[in-house]
Amino acid sequence: MVEEANLLISFIKLGMNKQFIQQAEQLCIFNLNDIMKSKLANLKQDKHFTYTWYVDMLNLLKDQDLLRQFQENQL
């Protein structure tokens, strides 16, 4: 399990590009904690959601060992 403080690290510090960060902010997502609390169904309905951004998000979660937990949270 990832420590709560690690979930609050900015996307910049995690090495994400400017476009990912801008789109995340448009989706009201500012850190890993926001991703982990989000519901994919709600994200998909947002006009700023794209599958390109989603793939980048999944890769980020995989790199941070959070992908399985995110998937479980969606059930």
PDB file of N, CA and C in Angstrom:
ATOM      1  N   MET A   1       0.839  -1.186   0.000  1.00  0.00           N
ATOM      2  CA  MET A   1       0.000   0.000   0.000  1.00  0.00           C
ATOM      3  C   MET A   1       0.878   1.241   0.000  1.00  0.00           C
ATOM      4  N   VAL A   2       0.555   2.190  -0.824  1.00  0.00           N
ATOM      5  CA  VAL A   2       1.311   3.427  -0.935  1.00  0.00           C
ATOM      6  C   VAL A   2       0.918   4.359   0.198  1.00  0.00           C
ATOM      7  N   GLU A   3       1.916   5.023   0.773  1.00  0.00           N
ATOM      8  CA  GLU A   3       1.632   5.969   1.852  1.00  0.00           C
ATOM      9  C   GLU A   3       0.827   7.147   1.319  1.00  0.00           C
ATOM     10  N   GLU A   4      -0.045   7.671   2.147  1.00  0.00           N
ATOM     11  CA  GLU A   4      -0.911   8.791   1.770  1.00  0.00           C
ATOM     12  C   GLU A   4      -0.115   9.981   1.264  1.00  0.00           C
ATOM     13  N   ALA A   5       1.013  10.299   1.902  1.00  0.00           N
ATOM     14  CA  ALA A   5       1.834  11.446   1.486  1.00  0.00           C
ATOM     15  C   ALA A   5       2.330  11.272   0.056  1.00  0.00           C
ATOM     16  N   ASN A   6       2.627  10.040  -0.347  1.00  0.00           N
ATOM     17  CA  ASN A   6       3.101   9.790  -1.708  1.00  0.00           C
ATOM     18  C   ASN A   6       1.997  10.021  -2.742  1.00  0.00           C
ATOM     19  N   LEU A   7       0.772   9.913  -2.328  1.00  0.00           N
ATOM     20  CA  LEU A   7      -0.347  10.144  -3.244  1.00  0.00           C
ATOM     21  C   LEU A   7      -0.558  11.625  -3.524  1.00  0.00           C
ATOM     22  N   LEU A   8       0.061  12.472  -2.721  1.00  0.00           N
ATOM     23  CA  LEU A   8      -0.123  13.913  -2.858  1.00  0.00           C
ATOM     24  C   LEU A   8       0.994  14.588  -3.647  1.00  0.00           C
ATOM     25  N   ILE A   9       1.951  13.813  -4.128  1.00  0.00           N
ATOM     26  CA  ILE A   9       3.058  14.360  -4.913  1.00  0.00           C
ATOM     27  C   ILE A   9       2.512  14.898  -6.235  1.00  0.00           C
ATOM     28  N   SER A  10       3.025  16.047  -6.649  1.00  0.00           N
ATOM     29  CA  SER A  10       2.546  16.663  -7.892  1.00  0.00           C
ATOM     30  C   SER A  10       2.928  15.828  -9.102  1.00  0.00           C
ATOM     31  N   PHE A  11       2.147  15.991 -10.153  1.00  0.00           N
ATOM     32  CA  PHE A  11       2.435  15.281 -11.392  1.00  0.00           C
ATOM     33  C   PHE A  11       3.768  15.719 -11.996  1.00  0.00           C
ATOM     34  N   ILE A  12       4.144  16.957 -11.781  1.00  0.00           N
ATOM     35  CA  ILE A  12       5.435  17.445 -12.283  1.00  0.00           C
ATOM     36  C   ILE A  12       6.564  16.633 -11.662  1.00  0.00           C
ATOM     37  N   LYS A  13       6.499  16.430 -10.360  1.00  0.00           N
ATOM     38  CA  LYS A  13       7.550  15.663  -9.675  1.00  0.00           C
ATOM     39  C   LYS A  13       7.544  14.199 -10.100  1.00  0.00           C
ATOM     40  N   LEU A  14       6.423  13.731 -10.591  1.00  0.00           N
ATOM     41  CA  LEU A  14       6.326  12.357 -11.072  1.00  0.00           C
ATOM     42  C   LEU A  14       6.762  12.239 -12.530  1.00  0.00           C
ATOM     43  N   GLY A  15       7.133  13.360 -13.131  1.00  0.00           N
ATOM     44  CA  GLY A  15       7.656  13.350 -14.495  1.00  0.00           C
ATOM     45  C   GLY A  15       6.622  13.405 -15.601  1.00  0.00           C
ATOM     46  N   MET A  16       5.413  13.792 -15.268  1.00  0.00           N
ATOM     47  CA  MET A  16       4.376  13.855 -16.297  1.00  0.00           C
ATOM     48  C   MET A  16       4.531  15.123 -17.131  1.00  0.00           C
ATOM     49  N   ASN A  17       4.128  15.016 -18.400  1.00  0.00           N
ATOM     50  CA  ASN A  17       4.296  16.151 -19.303  1.00  0.00           C
ATOM     51  C   ASN A  17       3.224  17.217 -19.068  1.00  0.00           C
ATOM     52  N   LYS A  18       3.489  18.390 -19.621  1.00  0.00           N
ATOM     53  CA  LYS A  18       2.616  19.547 -19.414  1.00  0.00           C
ATOM     54  C   LYS A  18       1.193  19.291 -19.915  1.00  0.00           C
ATOM     55  N   GLN A  19       1.074  18.621 -21.055  1.00  0.00           N
ATOM     56  CA  GLN A  19      -0.250  18.351 -21.611  1.00  0.00           C
ATOM     57  C   GLN A  19      -1.063  17.446 -20.681  1.00  0.00           C
ATOM     58  N   PHE A  20      -0.430  16.407 -20.138  1.00  0.00           N
ATOM     59  CA  PHE A  20      -1.125  15.522 -19.196  1.00  0.00           C
ATOM     60  C   PHE A  20      -1.612  16.323 -17.997  1.00  0.00           C
ATOM     61  N   ILE A  21      -0.728  17.158 -17.456  1.00  0.00           N
ATOM     62  CA  ILE A  21      -1.053  17.939 -16.256  1.00  0.00           C
ATOM     63  C   ILE A  21      -2.207  18.895 -16.530  1.00  0.00           C
ATOM     64  N   GLN A  22      -2.165  19.578 -17.669  1.00  0.00           N
ATOM     65  CA  GLN A  22      -3.236  20.521 -17.999  1.00  0.00           C
ATOM     66  C   GLN A  22      -4.578  19.811 -18.149  1.00  0.00           C
ATOM     67  N   GLN A  23      -4.554  18.693 -18.808  1.00  0.00           N
ATOM     68  CA  GLN A  23      -5.805  17.954 -18.986  1.00  0.00           C
ATOM     69  C   GLN A  23      -6.307  17.401 -17.659  1.00  0.00           C
ATOM     70  N   ALA A  24      -5.399  16.929 -16.821  1.00  0.00           N
ATOM     71  CA  ALA A  24      -5.788  16.438 -15.499  1.00  0.00           C
ATOM     72  C   ALA A  24      -6.463  17.553 -14.704  1.00  0.00           C
ATOM     73  N   GLU A  25      -5.876  18.739 -14.756  1.00  0.00           N
ATOM     74  CA  GLU A  25      -6.453  19.870 -14.028  1.00  0.00           C
ATOM     75  C   GLU A  25      -7.856  20.200 -14.543  1.00  0.00           C
ATOM     76  N   GLN A  26      -8.062  20.076 -15.860  1.00  0.00           N
ATOM     77  CA  GLN A  26      -9.393  20.313 -16.417  1.00  0.00           C
ATOM     78  C   GLN A  26     -10.391  19.277 -15.919  1.00  0.00           C
ATOM     79  N   LEU A  27      -9.876  18.101 -15.555  1.00  0.00           N
ATOM     80  CA  LEU A  27     -10.719  17.034 -15.011  1.00  0.00           C
ATOM     81  C   LEU A  27     -10.788  17.099 -13.478  1.00  0.00           C
ATOM     82  N   CYS A  28     -10.199  18.166 -12.901  1.00  0.00           N
ATOM     83  CA  CYS A  28     -10.150  18.370 -11.440  1.00  0.00           C
ATOM     84  C   CYS A  28      -9.342  17.270 -10.753  1.00  0.00           C
ATOM     85  N   ILE A  29      -8.278  16.855 -11.403  1.00  0.00           N
ATOM     86  CA  ILE A  29      -7.359  15.868 -10.849  1.00  0.00           C
ATOM     87  C   ILE A  29      -5.993  16.530 -10.726  1.00  0.00           C
ATOM     88  N   PHE A  30      -5.475  16.573  -9.490  1.00  0.00           N
ATOM     89  CA  PHE A  30      -4.248  17.313  -9.230  1.00  0.00           C
ATOM     90  C   PHE A  30      -3.120  16.448  -8.682  1.00  0.00           C
ATOM     91  N   ASN A  31      -3.428  15.199  -8.343  1.00  0.00           N
ATOM     92  CA  ASN A  31      -2.401  14.299  -7.811  1.00  0.00           C
ATOM     93  C   ASN A  31      -2.926  12.858  -7.863  1.00  0.00           C
ATOM     94  N   LEU A  32      -2.088  11.923  -7.449  1.00  0.00           N
ATOM     95  CA  LEU A  32      -2.477  10.511  -7.475  1.00  0.00           C
ATOM     96  C   LEU A  32      -3.685  10.224  -6.585  1.00  0.00           C
ATOM     97  N   ASN A  33      -3.776  10.920  -5.486  1.00  0.00           N
ATOM     98  CA  ASN A  33      -4.915  10.723  -4.588  1.00  0.00           C
ATOM     99  C   ASN A  33      -6.231  11.020  -5.308  1.00  0.00           C
ATOM    100  N   ASP A  34      -6.242  12.090  -6.099  1.00  0.00           N
ATOM    101  CA  ASP A  34      -7.448  12.432  -6.859  1.00  0.00           C
ATOM    102  C   ASP A  34      -7.788  11.338  -7.865  1.00  0.00           C
ATOM    103  N   ILE A  35      -6.760  10.772  -8.501  1.00  0.00           N
ATOM    104  CA  ILE A  35      -7.000   9.675  -9.444  1.00  0.00           C
ATOM    105  C   ILE A  35      -7.607   8.487  -8.717  1.00  0.00           C
ATOM    106  N   MET A  36      -7.009   8.137  -7.589  1.00  0.00           N
ATOM    107  CA  MET A  36      -7.460   6.952  -6.867  1.00  0.00           C
ATOM    108  C   MET A  36      -8.894   7.095  -6.361  1.00  0.00           C
ATOM    109  N   LYS A  37      -9.327   8.302  -6.103  1.00  0.00           N
ATOM    110  CA  LYS A  37     -10.687   8.539  -5.617  1.00  0.00           C
ATOM    111  C   LYS A  37     -11.701   8.708  -6.749  1.00  0.00           C
ATOM    112  N   SER A  38     -11.210   8.871  -7.965  1.00  0.00           N
ATOM    113  CA  SER A  38     -12.110   9.140  -9.084  1.00  0.00           C
ATOM    114  C   SER A  38     -12.796   7.864  -9.557  1.00  0.00           C
ATOM    115  N   LYS A  39     -13.899   8.059 -10.222  1.00  0.00           N
ATOM    116  CA  LYS A  39     -14.645   6.965 -10.845  1.00  0.00           C
ATOM    117  C   LYS A  39     -14.543   7.135 -12.353  1.00  0.00           C
ATOM    118  N   LEU A  40     -14.096   6.082 -13.007  1.00  0.00           N
ATOM    119  CA  LEU A  40     -13.886   6.119 -14.444  1.00  0.00           C
ATOM    120  C   LEU A  40     -15.152   6.516 -15.194  1.00  0.00           C
ATOM    121  N   ALA A  41     -16.274   6.029 -14.773  1.00  0.00           N
ATOM    122  CA  ALA A  41     -17.536   6.357 -15.450  1.00  0.00           C
ATOM    123  C   ALA A  41     -17.772   7.866 -15.458  1.00  0.00           C
ATOM    124  N   ASN A  42     -17.464   8.519 -14.350  1.00  0.00           N
ATOM    125  CA  ASN A  42     -17.635   9.972 -14.265  1.00  0.00           C
ATOM    126  C   ASN A  42     -16.600  10.696 -15.120  1.00  0.00           C
ATOM    127  N   LEU A  43     -15.364  10.219 -15.104  1.00  0.00           N
ATOM    128  CA  LEU A  43     -14.319  10.838 -15.915  1.00  0.00           C
ATOM    129  C   LEU A  43     -14.669  10.779 -17.393  1.00  0.00           C
ATOM    130  N   LYS A  44     -15.150   9.637 -17.837  1.00  0.00           N
ATOM    131  CA  LYS A  44     -15.475   9.455 -19.251  1.00  0.00           C
ATOM    132  C   LYS A  44     -16.556  10.417 -19.732  1.00  0.00           C
ATOM    133  N   GLN A  45     -17.391  10.862 -18.841  1.00  0.00           N
ATOM    134  CA  GLN A  45     -18.473  11.773 -19.218  1.00  0.00           C
ATOM    135  C   GLN A  45     -18.013  13.222 -19.322  1.00  0.00           C
ATOM    136  N   ASP A  46     -16.845  13.528 -18.794  1.00  0.00           N
ATOM    137  CA  ASP A  46     -16.322  14.894 -18.826  1.00  0.00           C
ATOM    138  C   ASP A  46     -15.853  15.232 -20.241  1.00  0.00           C
ATOM    139  N   LYS A  47     -16.148  16.440 -20.685  1.00  0.00           N
ATOM    140  CA  LYS A  47     -15.778  16.841 -22.050  1.00  0.00           C
ATOM    141  C   LYS A  47     -14.269  16.924 -22.250  1.00  0.00           C
ATOM    142  N   HIS A  48     -13.485  16.979 -21.177  1.00  0.00           N
ATOM    143  CA  HIS A  48     -12.029  17.055 -21.277  1.00  0.00           C
ATOM    144  C   HIS A  48     -11.360  15.681 -21.290  1.00  0.00           C
ATOM    145  N   PHE A  49     -12.125  14.631 -21.091  1.00  0.00           N
ATOM    146  CA  PHE A  49     -11.574  13.276 -21.062  1.00  0.00           C
ATOM    147  C   PHE A  49     -11.199  12.823 -22.465  1.00  0.00           C
ATOM    148  N   THR A  50      -9.999  12.227 -22.593  1.00  0.00           N
ATOM    149  CA  THR A  50      -9.609  11.571 -23.839  1.00  0.00           C
ATOM    150  C   THR A  50      -8.958  10.239 -23.483  1.00  0.00           C
ATOM    151  N   TYR A  51      -9.016   9.314 -24.400  1.00  0.00           N
ATOM    152  CA  TYR A  51      -8.393   8.018 -24.146  1.00  0.00           C
ATOM    153  C   TYR A  51      -6.869   8.116 -24.173  1.00  0.00           C
ATOM    154  N   THR A  52      -6.326   9.089 -24.863  1.00  0.00           N
ATOM    155  CA  THR A  52      -4.873   9.310 -24.833  1.00  0.00           C
ATOM    156  C   THR A  52      -4.445   9.677 -23.419  1.00  0.00           C
ATOM    157  N   TRP A  53      -5.194  10.584 -22.792  1.00  0.00           N
ATOM    158  CA  TRP A  53      -4.886  10.969 -21.419  1.00  0.00           C
ATOM    159  C   TRP A  53      -5.060   9.762 -20.489  1.00  0.00           C
ATOM    160  N   TYR A  54      -6.113   8.997 -20.721  1.00  0.00           N
ATOM    161  CA  TYR A  54      -6.406   7.830 -19.896  1.00  0.00           C
ATOM    162  C   TYR A  54      -5.270   6.804 -19.957  1.00  0.00           C
ATOM    163  N   VAL A  55      -4.739   6.554 -21.138  1.00  0.00           N
ATOM    164  CA  VAL A  55      -3.618   5.620 -21.265  1.00  0.00           C
ATOM    165  C   VAL A  55      -2.408   6.143 -20.494  1.00  0.00           C
ATOM    166  N   ASP A  56      -2.135   7.433 -20.593  1.00  0.00           N
ATOM    167  CA  ASP A  56      -1.024   8.017 -19.821  1.00  0.00           C
ATOM    168  C   ASP A  56      -1.263   7.854 -18.323  1.00  0.00           C
ATOM    169  N   MET A  57      -2.518   8.043 -17.908  1.00  0.00           N
ATOM    170  CA  MET A  57      -2.860   7.877 -16.501  1.00  0.00           C
ATOM    171  C   MET A  57      -2.636   6.434 -16.055  1.00  0.00           C
ATOM    172  N   LEU A  58      -3.065   5.477 -16.871  1.00  0.00           N
ATOM    173  CA  LEU A  58      -2.868   4.065 -16.529  1.00  0.00           C
ATOM    174  C   LEU A  58      -1.384   3.724 -16.437  1.00  0.00           C
ATOM    175  N   ASN A  59      -0.589   4.244 -17.347  1.00  0.00           N
ATOM    176  CA  ASN A  59       0.858   4.008 -17.298  1.00  0.00           C
ATOM    177  C   ASN A  59       1.470   4.604 -16.035  1.00  0.00           C
ATOM    178  N   LEU A  60       1.008   5.783 -15.654  1.00  0.00           N
ATOM    179  CA  LEU A  60       1.483   6.403 -14.417  1.00  0.00           C
ATOM    180  C   LEU A  60       1.130   5.525 -13.215  1.00  0.00           C
ATOM    181  N   LEU A  61      -0.099   5.064 -13.163  1.00  0.00           N
ATOM    182  CA  LEU A  61      -0.519   4.198 -12.057  1.00  0.00           C
ATOM    183  C   LEU A  61       0.292   2.910 -12.032  1.00  0.00           C
ATOM    184  N   LYS A  62       0.561   2.359 -13.190  1.00  0.00           N
ATOM    185  CA  LYS A  62       1.382   1.151 -13.265  1.00  0.00           C
ATOM    186  C   LYS A  62       2.783   1.420 -12.731  1.00  0.00           C
ATOM    187  N   ASP A  63       3.377   2.533 -13.141  1.00  0.00           N
ATOM    188  CA  ASP A  63       4.718   2.903 -12.670  1.00  0.00           C
ATOM    189  C   ASP A  63       4.763   3.102 -11.163  1.00  0.00           C
ATOM    190  N   GLN A  64       3.650   3.530 -10.587  1.00  0.00           N
ATOM    191  CA  GLN A  64       3.572   3.802  -9.148  1.00  0.00           C
ATOM    192  C   GLN A  64       3.007   2.613  -8.365  1.00  0.00           C
ATOM    193  N   ASP A  65       2.832   1.488  -9.024  1.00  0.00           N
ATOM    194  CA  ASP A  65       2.269   0.279  -8.411  1.00  0.00           C
ATOM    195  C   ASP A  65       0.877   0.516  -7.823  1.00  0.00           C
ATOM    196  N   LEU A  66       0.086   1.294  -8.542  1.00  0.00           N
ATOM    197  CA  LEU A  66      -1.267   1.614  -8.082  1.00  0.00           C
ATOM    198  C   LEU A  66      -2.352   1.120  -9.041  1.00  0.00           C
ATOM    199  N   LEU A  67      -1.964   0.529 -10.148  1.00  0.00           N
ATOM    200  CA  LEU A  67      -2.943   0.162 -11.168  1.00  0.00           C
ATOM    201  C   LEU A  67      -3.972  -0.845 -10.650  1.00  0.00           C
ATOM    202  N   ARG A  68      -3.509  -1.880 -10.003  1.00  0.00           N
ATOM    203  CA  ARG A  68      -4.445  -2.899  -9.493  1.00  0.00           C
ATOM    204  C   ARG A  68      -5.424  -2.278  -8.489  1.00  0.00           C
ATOM    205  N   GLN A  69      -4.914  -1.444  -7.605  1.00  0.00           N
ATOM    206  CA  GLN A  69      -5.786  -0.800  -6.616  1.00  0.00           C
ATOM    207  C   GLN A  69      -6.809   0.096  -7.308  1.00  0.00           C
ATOM    208  N   PHE A  70      -6.391   0.841  -8.327  1.00  0.00           N
ATOM    209  CA  PHE A  70      -7.315   1.681  -9.072  1.00  0.00           C
ATOM    210  C   PHE A  70      -8.412   0.825  -9.706  1.00  0.00           C
ATOM    211  N   GLN A  71      -8.002  -0.280 -10.323  1.00  0.00           N
ATOM    212  CA  GLN A  71      -8.981  -1.158 -10.956  1.00  0.00           C
ATOM    213  C   GLN A  71      -9.959  -1.726  -9.940  1.00  0.00           C
ATOM    214  N   GLU A  72      -9.479  -2.103  -8.795  1.00  0.00           N
ATOM    215  CA  GLU A  72     -10.356  -2.631  -7.743  1.00  0.00           C
ATOM    216  C   GLU A  72     -11.323  -1.557  -7.246  1.00  0.00           C
ATOM    217  N   ASN A  73     -10.853  -0.329  -7.175  1.00  0.00           N
ATOM    218  CA  ASN A  73     -11.700   0.781  -6.726  1.00  0.00           C
ATOM    219  C   ASN A  73     -12.854   1.047  -7.704  1.00  0.00           C
ATOM    220  N   GLN A  74     -12.672   0.644  -8.952  1.00  0.00           N
ATOM    221  CA  GLN A  74     -13.691   0.899  -9.967  1.00  0.00           C
ATOM    222  C   GLN A  74     -14.841  -0.097  -9.911  1.00  0.00           C
ATOM    223  N   LEU A  75     -14.648  -1.193  -9.187  1.00  0.00           N
ATOM    224  CA  LEU A  75     -15.692  -2.221  -9.116  1.00  0.00           C
ATOM    225  C   LEU A  75     -16.810  -1.839  -8.173  1.00  0.00           C
TER     226      LEU A  75
END
